[in-house]
Amino acid sequence: MNKKIHTEKAPQAIGPYSQAVVHGGLVYTSGQIAINPETGNVEATDIVGQTEQIMKNLGEVLKAAGASFDTAIKTTCFLADMNDFAAFNEVYGKYFTSKPARSCVAVKTLPKNVLAEVEVIAEVE
């Protein structure tokens, strides 16, 4: 059976989906973008600031699911501009020190015109 994950410490879903779902000892997060959960707005305008907010949001969702950055198995990263790849990696690397498998692709646009989105599959501790 699936367990739906919800925390007020991360942005609320902007569509008909859960922040994350736990199934079979794994947590599957929905893609997180740079929305500040306190204001409901995207406040950072650069890739570094947005990636920091994404990581804060992911950290809270993972924590609510009983997982962490250290238990991440796979991430999928979406960038609006591959020219942001190096700066994105700088921030990403501070959080995903266990170096999970990863895909990173450029996309035409993201919700709320953010610069990046990240989703994670992690083991529940």
PDB file of N, CA and C in Angstrom:
ATOM      1  N   MET A   1       0.834  -1.180   0.000  1.00  0.00           N
ATOM      2  CA  MET A   1       0.000   0.000   0.000  1.00  0.00           C
ATOM      3  C   MET A   1       0.878   1.242   0.000  1.00  0.00           C
ATOM      4  N   ASN A   2       0.446   2.262  -0.711  1.00  0.00           N
ATOM      5  CA  ASN A   2       1.177   3.521  -0.789  1.00  0.00           C
ATOM      6  C   ASN A   2       0.846   4.422   0.391  1.00  0.00           C
ATOM      7  N   LYS A   3       1.868   5.094   0.899  1.00  0.00           N
ATOM      8  CA  LYS A   3       1.675   6.083   1.951  1.00  0.00           C
ATOM      9  C   LYS A   3       1.965   7.454   1.349  1.00  0.00           C
ATOM     10  N   LYS A   4       0.980   8.326   1.362  1.00  0.00           N
ATOM     11  CA  LYS A   4       1.145   9.675   0.841  1.00  0.00           C
ATOM     12  C   LYS A   4       1.873  10.518   1.883  1.00  0.00           C
ATOM     13  N   ILE A   5       2.838  11.315   1.428  1.00  0.00           N
ATOM     14  CA  ILE A   5       3.628  12.165   2.315  1.00  0.00           C
ATOM     15  C   ILE A   5       3.193  13.609   2.138  1.00  0.00           C
ATOM     16  N   HIS A   6       3.041  14.287   3.275  1.00  0.00           N
ATOM     17  CA  HIS A   6       2.675  15.697   3.253  1.00  0.00           C
ATOM     18  C   HIS A   6       3.360  16.401   4.412  1.00  0.00           C
ATOM     19  N   THR A   7       3.984  17.536   4.141  1.00  0.00           N
ATOM     20  CA  THR A   7       4.558  18.375   5.182  1.00  0.00           C
ATOM     21  C   THR A   7       4.270  19.832   4.859  1.00  0.00           C
ATOM     22  N   GLU A   8       3.981  20.595   5.876  1.00  0.00           N
ATOM     23  CA  GLU A   8       3.767  22.039   5.718  1.00  0.00           C
ATOM     24  C   GLU A   8       5.094  22.769   5.520  1.00  0.00           C
ATOM     25  N   LYS A   9       6.217  22.071   5.748  1.00  0.00           N
ATOM     26  CA  LYS A   9       7.539  22.690   5.649  1.00  0.00           C
ATOM     27  C   LYS A   9       8.082  22.710   4.224  1.00  0.00           C
ATOM     28  N   ALA A  10       7.296  22.208   3.288  1.00  0.00           N
ATOM     29  CA  ALA A  10       7.640  22.253   1.868  1.00  0.00           C
ATOM     30  C   ALA A  10       6.427  22.810   1.133  1.00  0.00           C
ATOM     31  N   PRO A  11       6.630  23.312  -0.077  1.00  0.00           N
ATOM     32  CA  PRO A  11       5.495  23.877  -0.815  1.00  0.00           C
ATOM     33  C   PRO A  11       4.374  22.872  -1.018  1.00  0.00           C
ATOM     34  N   GLN A  12       3.172  23.361  -0.967  1.00  0.00           N
ATOM     35  CA  GLN A  12       2.014  22.514  -1.216  1.00  0.00           C
ATOM     36  C   GLN A  12       1.950  22.194  -2.715  1.00  0.00           C
ATOM     37  N   ALA A  13       1.426  21.056  -3.043  1.00  0.00           N
ATOM     38  CA  ALA A  13       1.299  20.653  -4.445  1.00  0.00           C
ATOM     39  C   ALA A  13       0.480  21.688  -5.207  1.00  0.00           C
ATOM     40  N   ILE A  14       0.937  22.001  -6.411  1.00  0.00           N
ATOM     41  CA  ILE A  14       0.202  22.969  -7.239  1.00  0.00           C
ATOM     42  C   ILE A  14      -0.637  22.254  -8.292  1.00  0.00           C
ATOM     43  N   GLY A  15      -0.928  21.001  -8.020  1.00  0.00           N
ATOM     44  CA  GLY A  15      -1.745  20.191  -8.917  1.00  0.00           C
ATOM     45  C   GLY A  15      -2.242  18.968  -8.175  1.00  0.00           C
ATOM     46  N   PRO A  16      -2.864  18.042  -8.893  1.00  0.00           N
ATOM     47  CA  PRO A  16      -3.427  16.841  -8.263  1.00  0.00           C
ATOM     48  C   PRO A  16      -2.372  15.745  -8.045  1.00  0.00           C
ATOM     49  N   TYR A  17      -1.457  16.002  -7.117  1.00  0.00           N
ATOM     50  CA  TYR A  17      -0.409  15.029  -6.807  1.00  0.00           C
ATOM     51  C   TYR A  17       0.042  15.212  -5.367  1.00  0.00           C
ATOM     52  N   SER A  18       0.807  14.254  -4.867  1.00  0.00           N
ATOM     53  CA  SER A  18       1.352  14.278  -3.511  1.00  0.00           C
ATOM     54  C   SER A  18       2.775  14.815  -3.541  1.00  0.00           C
ATOM     55  N   GLN A  19       3.237  15.354  -2.413  1.00  0.00           N
ATOM     56  CA  GLN A  19       4.630  15.786  -2.324  1.00  0.00           C
ATOM     57  C   GLN A  19       5.566  14.590  -2.507  1.00  0.00           C
ATOM     58  N   ALA A  20       5.127  13.440  -2.010  1.00  0.00           N
ATOM     59  CA  ALA A  20       5.893  12.204  -2.159  1.00  0.00           C
ATOM     60  C   ALA A  20       4.992  11.024  -1.832  1.00  0.00           C
ATOM     61  N   VAL A  21       5.456   9.846  -2.242  1.00  0.00           N
ATOM     62  CA  VAL A  21       4.757   8.596  -1.943  1.00  0.00           C
ATOM     63  C   VAL A  21       5.804   7.584  -1.493  1.00  0.00           C
ATOM     64  N   VAL A  22       5.500   6.869  -0.408  1.00  0.00           N
ATOM     65  CA  VAL A  22       6.361   5.785   0.046  1.00  0.00           C
ATOM     66  C   VAL A  22       5.723   4.482  -0.376  1.00  0.00           C
ATOM     67  N   HIS A  23       6.538   3.616  -0.987  1.00  0.00           N
ATOM     68  CA  HIS A  23       6.064   2.300  -1.419  1.00  0.00           C
ATOM     69  C   HIS A  23       7.256   1.348  -1.393  1.00  0.00           C
ATOM     70  N   GLY A  24       7.064   0.208  -0.772  1.00  0.00           N
ATOM     71  CA  GLY A  24       8.089  -0.834  -0.781  1.00  0.00           C
ATOM     72  C   GLY A  24       9.428  -0.392  -0.212  1.00  0.00           C
ATOM     73  N   GLY A  25       9.416   0.441   0.815  1.00  0.00           N
ATOM     74  CA  GLY A  25      10.660   0.872   1.435  1.00  0.00           C
ATOM     75  C   GLY A  25      11.375   2.003   0.722  1.00  0.00           C
ATOM     76  N   LEU A  26      10.748   2.526  -0.329  1.00  0.00           N
ATOM     77  CA  LEU A  26      11.330   3.643  -1.073  1.00  0.00           C
ATOM     78  C   LEU A  26      10.391   4.838  -1.042  1.00  0.00           C
ATOM     79  N   VAL A  27      10.964   6.020  -1.065  1.00  0.00           N
ATOM     80  CA  VAL A  27      10.166   7.233  -1.208  1.00  0.00           C
ATOM     81  C   VAL A  27      10.442   7.811  -2.596  1.00  0.00           C
ATOM     82  N   TYR A  28       9.372   8.183  -3.253  1.00  0.00           N
ATOM     83  CA  TYR A  28       9.422   8.804  -4.573  1.00  0.00           C
ATOM     84  C   TYR A  28       8.898  10.225  -4.401  1.00  0.00           C
ATOM     85  N   THR A  29       9.770  11.220  -4.521  1.00  0.00           N
ATOM     86  CA  THR A  29       9.295  12.586  -4.359  1.00  0.00           C
ATOM     87  C   THR A  29       8.774  13.112  -5.688  1.00  0.00           C
ATOM     88  N   SER A  30       7.826  14.008  -5.593  1.00  0.00           N
ATOM     89  CA  SER A  30       7.443  14.776  -6.768  1.00  0.00           C
ATOM     90  C   SER A  30       8.552  15.795  -7.001  1.00  0.00           C
ATOM     91  N   GLY A  31       8.613  16.323  -8.190  1.00  0.00           N
ATOM     92  CA  GLY A  31       9.611  17.344  -8.475  1.00  0.00           C
ATOM     93  C   GLY A  31       9.389  18.554  -7.586  1.00  0.00           C
ATOM     94  N   GLN A  32      10.470  19.024  -6.998  1.00  0.00           N
ATOM     95  CA  GLN A  32      10.412  20.219  -6.169  1.00  0.00           C
ATOM     96  C   GLN A  32      11.007  21.392  -6.934  1.00  0.00           C
ATOM     97  N   ILE A  33      10.330  22.528  -6.820  1.00  0.00           N
ATOM     98  CA  ILE A  33      10.833  23.760  -7.418  1.00  0.00           C
ATOM     99  C   ILE A  33      11.107  24.754  -6.297  1.00  0.00           C
ATOM    100  N   ALA A  34      11.561  25.931  -6.653  1.00  0.00           N
ATOM    101  CA  ALA A  34      12.064  26.910  -5.684  1.00  0.00           C
ATOM    102  C   ALA A  34      10.977  27.766  -5.046  1.00  0.00           C
ATOM    103  N   ILE A  35       9.876  27.168  -4.663  1.00  0.00           N
ATOM    104  CA  ILE A  35       8.834  27.915  -3.961  1.00  0.00           C
ATOM    105  C   ILE A  35       9.171  27.943  -2.471  1.00  0.00           C
ATOM    106  N   ASN A  36       9.148  29.122  -1.886  1.00  0.00           N
ATOM    107  CA  ASN A  36       9.316  29.258  -0.444  1.00  0.00           C
ATOM    108  C   ASN A  36       8.000  28.848   0.197  1.00  0.00           C
ATOM    109  N   PRO A  37       8.001  27.806   1.041  1.00  0.00           N
ATOM    110  CA  PRO A  37       6.736  27.327   1.604  1.00  0.00           C
ATOM    111  C   PRO A  37       6.064  28.334   2.541  1.00  0.00           C
ATOM    112  N   GLU A  38       6.837  29.263   3.091  1.00  0.00           N
ATOM    113  CA  GLU A  38       6.260  30.257   3.995  1.00  0.00           C
ATOM    114  C   GLU A  38       5.459  31.322   3.249  1.00  0.00           C
ATOM    115  N   THR A  39       5.902  31.656   2.038  1.00  0.00           N
ATOM    116  CA  THR A  39       5.227  32.716   1.281  1.00  0.00           C
ATOM    117  C   THR A  39       4.424  32.190   0.099  1.00  0.00           C
ATOM    118  N   GLY A  40       4.770  30.982  -0.347  1.00  0.00           N
ATOM    119  CA  GLY A  40       4.121  30.426  -1.528  1.00  0.00           C
ATOM    120  C   GLY A  40       4.633  31.023  -2.831  1.00  0.00           C
ATOM    121  N   ASN A  41       5.740  31.760  -2.749  1.00  0.00           N
ATOM    122  CA  ASN A  41       6.291  32.433  -3.926  1.00  0.00           C
ATOM    123  C   ASN A  41       7.684  31.928  -4.266  1.00  0.00           C
ATOM    124  N   VAL A  42       8.071  32.115  -5.514  1.00  0.00           N
ATOM    125  CA  VAL A  42       9.447  31.907  -5.934  1.00  0.00           C
ATOM    126  C   VAL A  42      10.152  33.233  -5.664  1.00  0.00           C
ATOM    127  N   GLU A  43      11.098  33.228  -4.746  1.00  0.00           N
ATOM    128  CA  GLU A  43      11.736  34.478  -4.345  1.00  0.00           C
ATOM    129  C   GLU A  43      13.108  34.679  -4.967  1.00  0.00           C
ATOM    130  N   ALA A  44      13.884  33.610  -5.115  1.00  0.00           N
ATOM    131  CA  ALA A  44      15.214  33.727  -5.716  1.00  0.00           C
ATOM    132  C   ALA A  44      15.075  33.838  -7.229  1.00  0.00           C
ATOM    133  N   THR A  45      15.929  34.636  -7.829  1.00  0.00           N
ATOM    134  CA  THR A  45      15.866  34.822  -9.278  1.00  0.00           C
ATOM    135  C   THR A  45      17.055  34.196 -10.001  1.00  0.00           C
ATOM    136  N   ASP A  46      18.038  33.695  -9.245  1.00  0.00           N
ATOM    137  CA  ASP A  46      19.213  33.088  -9.867  1.00  0.00           C
ATOM    138  C   ASP A  46      19.232  31.593  -9.578  1.00  0.00           C
ATOM    139  N   ILE A  47      20.037  30.860 -10.326  1.00  0.00           N
ATOM    140  CA  ILE A  47      20.064  29.399 -10.200  1.00  0.00           C
ATOM    141  C   ILE A  47      20.588  28.959  -8.839  1.00  0.00           C
ATOM    142  N   VAL A  48      21.547  29.664  -8.268  1.00  0.00           N
ATOM    143  CA  VAL A  48      22.087  29.275  -6.963  1.00  0.00           C
ATOM    144  C   VAL A  48      21.012  29.409  -5.886  1.00  0.00           C
ATOM    145  N   GLY A  49      20.352  30.539  -5.831  1.00  0.00           N
ATOM    146  CA  GLY A  49      19.296  30.746  -4.842  1.00  0.00           C
ATOM    147  C   GLY A  49      18.139  29.789  -5.023  1.00  0.00           C
ATOM    148  N   GLN A  50      17.748  29.559  -6.278  1.00  0.00           N
ATOM    149  CA  GLN A  50      16.645  28.626  -6.528  1.00  0.00           C
ATOM    150  C   GLN A  50      17.031  27.199  -6.162  1.00  0.00           C
ATOM    151  N   THR A  51      18.254  26.796  -6.472  1.00  0.00           N
ATOM    152  CA  THR A  51      18.675  25.433  -6.140  1.00  0.00           C
ATOM    153  C   THR A  51      18.751  25.248  -4.625  1.00  0.00           C
ATOM    154  N   GLU A  52      19.205  26.245  -3.894  1.00  0.00           N
ATOM    155  CA  GLU A  52      19.218  26.169  -2.424  1.00  0.00           C
ATOM    156  C   GLU A  52      17.801  25.958  -1.893  1.00  0.00           C
ATOM    157  N   GLN A  53      16.816  26.685  -2.434  1.00  0.00           N
ATOM    158  CA  GLN A  53      15.433  26.526  -1.976  1.00  0.00           C
ATOM    159  C   GLN A  53      14.896  25.146  -2.339  1.00  0.00           C
ATOM    160  N   ILE A  54      15.238  24.671  -3.524  1.00  0.00           N
ATOM    161  CA  ILE A  54      14.819  23.317  -3.932  1.00  0.00           C
ATOM    162  C   ILE A  54      15.354  22.289  -2.944  1.00  0.00           C
ATOM    163  N   MET A  55      16.617  22.407  -2.575  1.00  0.00           N
ATOM    164  CA  MET A  55      17.223  21.440  -1.663  1.00  0.00           C
ATOM    165  C   MET A  55      16.583  21.519  -0.275  1.00  0.00           C
ATOM    166  N   LYS A  56      16.261  22.705   0.190  1.00  0.00           N
ATOM    167  CA  LYS A  56      15.553  22.832   1.466  1.00  0.00           C
ATOM    168  C   LYS A  56      14.205  22.125   1.379  1.00  0.00           C
ATOM    169  N   ASN A  57      13.490  22.344   0.285  1.00  0.00           N
ATOM    170  CA  ASN A  57      12.184  21.708   0.108  1.00  0.00           C
ATOM    171  C   ASN A  57      12.318  20.191   0.052  1.00  0.00           C
ATOM    172  N   LEU A  58      13.265  19.700  -0.732  1.00  0.00           N
ATOM    173  CA  LEU A  58      13.474  18.253  -0.824  1.00  0.00           C
ATOM    174  C   LEU A  58      13.854  17.670   0.527  1.00  0.00           C
ATOM    175  N   GLY A  59      14.707  18.356   1.260  1.00  0.00           N
ATOM    176  CA  GLY A  59      15.114  17.878   2.578  1.00  0.00           C
ATOM    177  C   GLY A  59      13.927  17.687   3.506  1.00  0.00           C
ATOM    178  N   GLU A  60      12.985  18.620   3.468  1.00  0.00           N
ATOM    179  CA  GLU A  60      11.797  18.520   4.321  1.00  0.00           C
ATOM    180  C   GLU A  60      10.879  17.378   3.878  1.00  0.00           C
ATOM    181  N   VAL A  61      10.721  17.203   2.590  1.00  0.00           N
ATOM    182  CA  VAL A  61       9.880  16.112   2.087  1.00  0.00           C
ATOM    183  C   VAL A  61      10.527  14.769   2.418  1.00  0.00           C
ATOM    184  N   LEU A  62      11.822  14.657   2.190  1.00  0.00           N
ATOM    185  CA  LEU A  62      12.521  13.409   2.530  1.00  0.00           C
ATOM    186  C   LEU A  62      12.410  13.118   4.025  1.00  0.00           C
ATOM    187  N   LYS A  63      12.605  14.124   4.852  1.00  0.00           N
ATOM    188  CA  LYS A  63      12.505  13.954   6.301  1.00  0.00           C
ATOM    189  C   LYS A  63      11.112  13.477   6.698  1.00  0.00           C
ATOM    190  N   ALA A  64      10.076  14.073   6.120  1.00  0.00           N
ATOM    191  CA  ALA A  64       8.697  13.677   6.433  1.00  0.00           C
ATOM    192  C   ALA A  64       8.433  12.224   6.043  1.00  0.00           C
ATOM    193  N   ALA A  65       9.173  11.731   5.053  1.00  0.00           N
ATOM    194  CA  ALA A  65       9.005  10.360   4.593  1.00  0.00           C
ATOM    195  C   ALA A  65       9.897   9.368   5.344  1.00  0.00           C
ATOM    196  N   GLY A  66      10.781   9.882   6.208  1.00  0.00           N
ATOM    197  CA  GLY A  66      11.701   8.998   6.916  1.00  0.00           C
ATOM    198  C   GLY A  66      12.944   8.674   6.116  1.00  0.00           C
ATOM    199  N   ALA A  67      13.315   9.566   5.209  1.00  0.00           N
ATOM    200  CA  ALA A  67      14.491   9.374   4.372  1.00  0.00           C
ATOM    201  C   ALA A  67      15.381  10.617   4.508  1.00  0.00           C
ATOM    202  N   SER A  68      16.449  10.657   3.729  1.00  0.00           N
ATOM    203  CA  SER A  68      17.360  11.794   3.769  1.00  0.00           C
ATOM    204  C   SER A  68      18.134  11.871   2.460  1.00  0.00           C
ATOM    205  N   PHE A  69      18.915  12.927   2.312  1.00  0.00           N
ATOM    206  CA  PHE A  69      19.779  13.035   1.133  1.00  0.00           C
ATOM    207  C   PHE A  69      20.742  11.853   1.071  1.00  0.00           C
ATOM    208  N   ASP A  70      21.191  11.377   2.232  1.00  0.00           N
ATOM    209  CA  ASP A  70      22.151  10.270   2.277  1.00  0.00           C
ATOM    210  C   ASP A  70      21.569   8.945   1.808  1.00  0.00           C
ATOM    211  N   THR A  71      20.242   8.806   1.837  1.00  0.00           N
ATOM    212  CA  THR A  71      19.634   7.548   1.402  1.00  0.00           C
ATOM    213  C   THR A  71      19.135   7.623  -0.043  1.00  0.00           C
ATOM    214  N   ALA A  72      19.429   8.732  -0.713  1.00  0.00           N
ATOM    215  CA  ALA A  72      18.990   8.893  -2.110  1.00  0.00           C
ATOM    216  C   ALA A  72      19.652   7.855  -3.007  1.00  0.00           C
ATOM    217  N   ILE A  73      18.854   7.295  -3.898  1.00  0.00           N
ATOM    218  CA  ILE A  73      19.321   6.296  -4.851  1.00  0.00           C
ATOM    219  C   ILE A  73      19.454   6.912  -6.245  1.00  0.00           C
ATOM    220  N   LYS A  74      18.465   7.753  -6.599  1.00  0.00           N
ATOM    221  CA  LYS A  74      18.397   8.313  -7.959  1.00  0.00           C
ATOM    222  C   LYS A  74      17.747   9.676  -7.904  1.00  0.00           C
ATOM    223  N   THR A  75      18.303  10.619  -8.640  1.00  0.00           N
ATOM    224  CA  THR A  75      17.667  11.921  -8.796  1.00  0.00           C
ATOM    225  C   THR A  75      17.455  12.193 -10.279  1.00  0.00           C
ATOM    226  N   THR A  76      16.451  12.981 -10.558  1.00  0.00           N
ATOM    227  CA  THR A  76      16.233  13.486 -11.904  1.00  0.00           C
ATOM    228  C   THR A  76      16.152  14.998 -11.784  1.00  0.00           C
ATOM    229  N   CYS A  77      16.982  15.679 -12.554  1.00  0.00           N
ATOM    230  CA  CYS A  77      17.092  17.131 -12.481  1.00  0.00           C
ATOM    231  C   CYS A  77      16.709  17.734 -13.822  1.00  0.00           C
ATOM    232  N   PHE A  78      15.949  18.791 -13.749  1.00  0.00           N
ATOM    233  CA  PHE A  78      15.491  19.491 -14.937  1.00  0.00           C
ATOM    234  C   PHE A  78      15.992  20.926 -14.864  1.00  0.00           C
ATOM    235  N   LEU A  79      16.673  21.388 -15.902  1.00  0.00           N
ATOM    236  CA  LEU A  79      17.172  22.758 -15.953  1.00  0.00           C
ATOM    237  C   LEU A  79      16.550  23.487 -17.128  1.00  0.00           C
ATOM    238  N   ALA A  80      16.195  24.734 -16.900  1.00  0.00           N
ATOM    239  CA  ALA A  80      15.643  25.542 -17.983  1.00  0.00           C
ATOM    240  C   ALA A  80      16.751  25.983 -18.935  1.00  0.00           C
ATOM    241  N   ASP A  81      17.995  25.989 -18.458  1.00  0.00           N
ATOM    242  CA  ASP A  81      19.119  26.442 -19.271  1.00  0.00           C
ATOM    243  C   ASP A  81      20.367  25.667 -18.863  1.00  0.00           C
ATOM    244  N   MET A  82      20.941  24.895 -19.769  1.00  0.00           N
ATOM    245  CA  MET A  82      22.129  24.102 -19.454  1.00  0.00           C
ATOM    246  C   MET A  82      23.342  24.976 -19.145  1.00  0.00           C
ATOM    247  N   ASN A  83      23.279  26.249 -19.451  1.00  0.00           N
ATOM    248  CA  ASN A  83      24.353  27.155 -19.048  1.00  0.00           C
ATOM    249  C   ASN A  83      24.423  27.290 -17.535  1.00  0.00           C
ATOM    250  N   ASP A  84      23.356  26.891 -16.831  1.00  0.00           N
ATOM    251  CA  ASP A  84      23.317  26.922 -15.365  1.00  0.00           C
ATOM    252  C   ASP A  84      23.866  25.641 -14.737  1.00  0.00           C
ATOM    253  N   PHE A  85      24.305  24.690 -15.563  1.00  0.00           N
ATOM    254  CA  PHE A  85      24.703  23.366 -15.085  1.00  0.00           C
ATOM    255  C   PHE A  85      25.784  23.426 -14.004  1.00  0.00           C
ATOM    256  N   ALA A  86      26.845  24.174 -14.217  1.00  0.00           N
ATOM    257  CA  ALA A  86      27.951  24.226 -13.261  1.00  0.00           C
ATOM    258  C   ALA A  86      27.500  24.822 -11.919  1.00  0.00           C
ATOM    259  N   ALA A  87      26.768  25.913 -11.953  1.00  0.00           N
ATOM    260  CA  ALA A  87      26.302  26.550 -10.721  1.00  0.00           C
ATOM    261  C   ALA A  87      25.306  25.649  -9.993  1.00  0.00           C
ATOM    262  N   PHE A  88      24.427  24.992 -10.744  1.00  0.00           N
ATOM    263  CA  PHE A  88      23.484  24.038 -10.162  1.00  0.00           C
ATOM    264  C   PHE A  88      24.252  22.914  -9.457  1.00  0.00           C
ATOM    265  N   ASN A  89      25.266  22.361 -10.122  1.00  0.00           N
ATOM    266  CA  ASN A  89      26.060  21.270  -9.562  1.00  0.00           C
ATOM    267  C   ASN A  89      26.753  21.662  -8.265  1.00  0.00           C
ATOM    268  N   GLU A  90      27.211  22.899  -8.170  1.00  0.00           N
ATOM    269  CA  GLU A  90      27.874  23.373  -6.942  1.00  0.00           C
ATOM    270  C   GLU A  90      26.955  23.215  -5.739  1.00  0.00           C
ATOM    271  N   VAL A  91      25.714  23.662  -5.887  1.00  0.00           N
ATOM    272  CA  VAL A  91      24.756  23.565  -4.787  1.00  0.00           C
ATOM    273  C   VAL A  91      24.327  22.118  -4.592  1.00  0.00           C
ATOM    274  N   TYR A  92      23.966  21.437  -5.657  1.00  0.00           N
ATOM    275  CA  TYR A  92      23.525  20.043  -5.609  1.00  0.00           C
ATOM    276  C   TYR A  92      24.544  19.181  -4.856  1.00  0.00           C
ATOM    277  N   GLY A  93      25.819  19.369  -5.159  1.00  0.00           N
ATOM    278  CA  GLY A  93      26.881  18.568  -4.562  1.00  0.00           C
ATOM    279  C   GLY A  93      27.024  18.740  -3.066  1.00  0.00           C
ATOM    280  N   LYS A  94      26.602  19.880  -2.522  1.00  0.00           N
ATOM    281  CA  LYS A  94      26.649  20.101  -1.068  1.00  0.00           C
ATOM    282  C   LYS A  94      25.634  19.228  -0.342  1.00  0.00           C
ATOM    283  N   TYR A  95      24.554  18.872  -1.012  1.00  0.00           N
ATOM    284  CA  TYR A  95      23.476  18.105  -0.390  1.00  0.00           C
ATOM    285  C   TYR A  95      23.572  16.612  -0.693  1.00  0.00           C
ATOM    286  N   PHE A  96      23.846  16.267  -1.938  1.00  0.00           N
ATOM    287  CA  PHE A  96      23.894  14.856  -2.338  1.00  0.00           C
ATOM    288  C   PHE A  96      25.337  14.357  -2.298  1.00  0.00           C
ATOM    289  N   THR A  97      25.906  14.328  -1.085  1.00  0.00           N
ATOM    290  CA  THR A  97      27.299  13.912  -0.923  1.00  0.00           C
ATOM    291  C   THR A  97      27.492  12.413  -1.148  1.00  0.00           C
ATOM    292  N   SER A  98      26.408  11.641  -1.076  1.00  0.00           N
ATOM    293  CA  SER A  98      26.505  10.198  -1.312  1.00  0.00           C
ATOM    294  C   SER A  98      26.525   9.857  -2.800  1.00  0.00           C
ATOM    295  N   LYS A  99      26.376  10.863  -3.636  1.00  0.00           N
ATOM    296  CA  LYS A  99      26.450  10.738  -5.095  1.00  0.00           C
ATOM    297  C   LYS A  99      25.528   9.664  -5.667  1.00  0.00           C
ATOM    298  N   PRO A 100      24.201   9.861  -5.535  1.00  0.00           N
ATOM    299  CA  PRO A 100      23.268   8.901  -6.134  1.00  0.00           C
ATOM    300  C   PRO A 100      23.337   8.961  -7.661  1.00  0.00           C
ATOM    301  N   ALA A 101      22.752   7.975  -8.307  1.00  0.00           N
ATOM    302  CA  ALA A 101      22.632   8.027  -9.760  1.00  0.00           C
ATOM    303  C   ALA A 101      21.809   9.268 -10.119  1.00  0.00           C
ATOM    304  N   ARG A 102      22.041   9.839 -11.295  1.00  0.00           N
ATOM    305  CA  ARG A 102      21.345  11.072 -11.642  1.00  0.00           C
ATOM    306  C   ARG A 102      21.179  11.203 -13.144  1.00  0.00           C
ATOM    307  N   SER A 103      20.058  11.775 -13.521  1.00  0.00           N
ATOM    308  CA  SER A 103      19.836  12.254 -14.884  1.00  0.00           C
ATOM    309  C   SER A 103      19.634  13.750 -14.776  1.00  0.00           C
ATOM    310  N   CYS A 104      20.133  14.499 -15.744  1.00  0.00           N
ATOM    311  CA  CYS A 104      19.940  15.945 -15.761  1.00  0.00           C
ATOM    312  C   CYS A 104      19.669  16.350 -17.196  1.00  0.00           C
ATOM    313  N   VAL A 105      18.521  16.954 -17.411  1.00  0.00           N
ATOM    314  CA  VAL A 105      18.123  17.324 -18.765  1.00  0.00           C
ATOM    315  C   VAL A 105      17.676  18.778 -18.814  1.00  0.00           C
ATOM    316  N   ALA A 106      17.805  19.366 -19.979  1.00  0.00           N
ATOM    317  CA  ALA A 106      17.283  20.709 -20.213  1.00  0.00           C
ATOM    318  C   ALA A 106      15.854  20.579 -20.723  1.00  0.00           C
ATOM    319  N   VAL A 107      15.011  21.471 -20.263  1.00  0.00           N
ATOM    320  CA  VAL A 107      13.615  21.485 -20.685  1.00  0.00           C
ATOM    321  C   VAL A 107      13.259  22.887 -21.160  1.00  0.00           C
ATOM    322  N   LYS A 108      12.197  22.973 -21.916  1.00  0.00           N
ATOM    323  CA  LYS A 108      11.809  24.270 -22.467  1.00  0.00           C
ATOM    324  C   LYS A 108      11.338  25.228 -21.382  1.00  0.00           C
ATOM    325  N   THR A 109      10.411  24.789 -20.554  1.00  0.00           N
ATOM    326  CA  THR A 109       9.939  25.612 -19.438  1.00  0.00           C
ATOM    327  C   THR A 109       9.560  24.722 -18.273  1.00  0.00           C
ATOM    328  N   LEU A 110       9.537  25.325 -17.091  1.00  0.00           N
ATOM    329  CA  LEU A 110       9.162  24.628 -15.865  1.00  0.00           C
ATOM    330  C   LEU A 110       8.025  25.401 -15.201  1.00  0.00           C
ATOM    331  N   PRO A 111       7.294  24.753 -14.284  1.00  0.00           N
ATOM    332  CA  PRO A 111       6.205  25.461 -13.607  1.00  0.00           C
ATOM    333  C   PRO A 111       6.693  26.765 -12.972  1.00  0.00           C
ATOM    334  N   LYS A 112       5.871  27.771 -13.064  1.00  0.00           N
ATOM    335  CA  LYS A 112       6.152  29.098 -12.495  1.00  0.00           C
ATOM    336  C   LYS A 112       7.421  29.707 -13.071  1.00  0.00           C
ATOM    337  N   ASN A 113       7.838  29.217 -14.236  1.00  0.00           N
ATOM    338  CA  ASN A 113       9.036  29.713 -14.935  1.00  0.00           C
ATOM    339  C   ASN A 113      10.303  29.667 -14.085  1.00  0.00           C
ATOM    340  N   VAL A 114      10.401  28.657 -13.205  1.00  0.00           N
ATOM    341  CA  VAL A 114      11.605  28.500 -12.397  1.00  0.00           C
ATOM    342  C   VAL A 114      12.753  28.005 -13.271  1.00  0.00           C
ATOM    343  N   LEU A 115      13.940  28.021 -12.713  1.00  0.00           N
ATOM    344  CA  LEU A 115      15.137  27.648 -13.454  1.00  0.00           C
ATOM    345  C   LEU A 115      15.500  26.176 -13.322  1.00  0.00           C
ATOM    346  N   ALA A 116      14.946  25.493 -12.286  1.00  0.00           N
ATOM    347  CA  ALA A 116      15.293  24.091 -12.058  1.00  0.00           C
ATOM    348  C   ALA A 116      14.193  23.370 -11.302  1.00  0.00           C
ATOM    349  N   GLU A 117      14.205  22.054 -11.416  1.00  0.00           N
ATOM    350  CA  GLU A 117      13.301  21.178 -10.667  1.00  0.00           C
ATOM    351  C   GLU A 117      14.064  19.889 -10.400  1.00  0.00           C
ATOM    352  N   VAL A 118      13.860  19.301  -9.209  1.00  0.00           N
ATOM    353  CA  VAL A 118      14.556  18.057  -8.857  1.00  0.00           C
ATOM    354  C   VAL A 118      13.573  17.101  -8.197  1.00  0.00           C
ATOM    355  N   GLU A 119      13.650  15.831  -8.598  1.00  0.00           N
ATOM    356  CA  GLU A 119      12.876  14.770  -7.943  1.00  0.00           C
ATOM    357  C   GLU A 119      13.868  13.687  -7.485  1.00  0.00           C
ATOM    358  N   VAL A 120      13.459  12.932  -6.454  1.00  0.00           N
ATOM    359  CA  VAL A 120      14.366  11.978  -5.818  1.00  0.00           C
ATOM    360  C   VAL A 120      13.645  10.658  -5.550  1.00  0.00           C
ATOM    361  N   ILE A 121      14.388   9.578  -5.675  1.00  0.00           N
ATOM    362  CA  ILE A 121      13.979   8.275  -5.163  1.00  0.00           C
ATOM    363  C   ILE A 121      15.004   7.933  -4.082  1.00  0.00           C
ATOM    364  N   ALA A 122      14.510   7.620  -2.877  1.00  0.00           N
ATOM    365  CA  ALA A 122      15.408   7.341  -1.756  1.00  0.00           C
ATOM    366  C   ALA A 122      14.876   6.190  -0.912  1.00  0.00           C
ATOM    367  N   GLU A 123      15.784   5.528  -0.216  1.00  0.00           N
ATOM    368  CA  GLU A 123      15.385   4.490   0.734  1.00  0.00           C
ATOM    369  C   GLU A 123      14.856   5.145   1.999  1.00  0.00           C
ATOM    370  N   VAL A 124      13.799   4.579   2.532  1.00  0.00           N
ATOM    371  CA  VAL A 124      13.284   5.033   3.824  1.00  0.00           C
ATOM    372  C   VAL A 124      14.147   4.394   4.901  1.00  0.00           C
ATOM    373  N   GLU A 125      14.593   5.190   5.851  1.00  0.00           N
ATOM    374  CA  GLU A 125      15.502   4.696   6.905  1.00  0.00           C
ATOM    375  C   GLU A 125      14.735   3.927   7.959  1.00  0.00           C
TER     376      GLU A 125
END
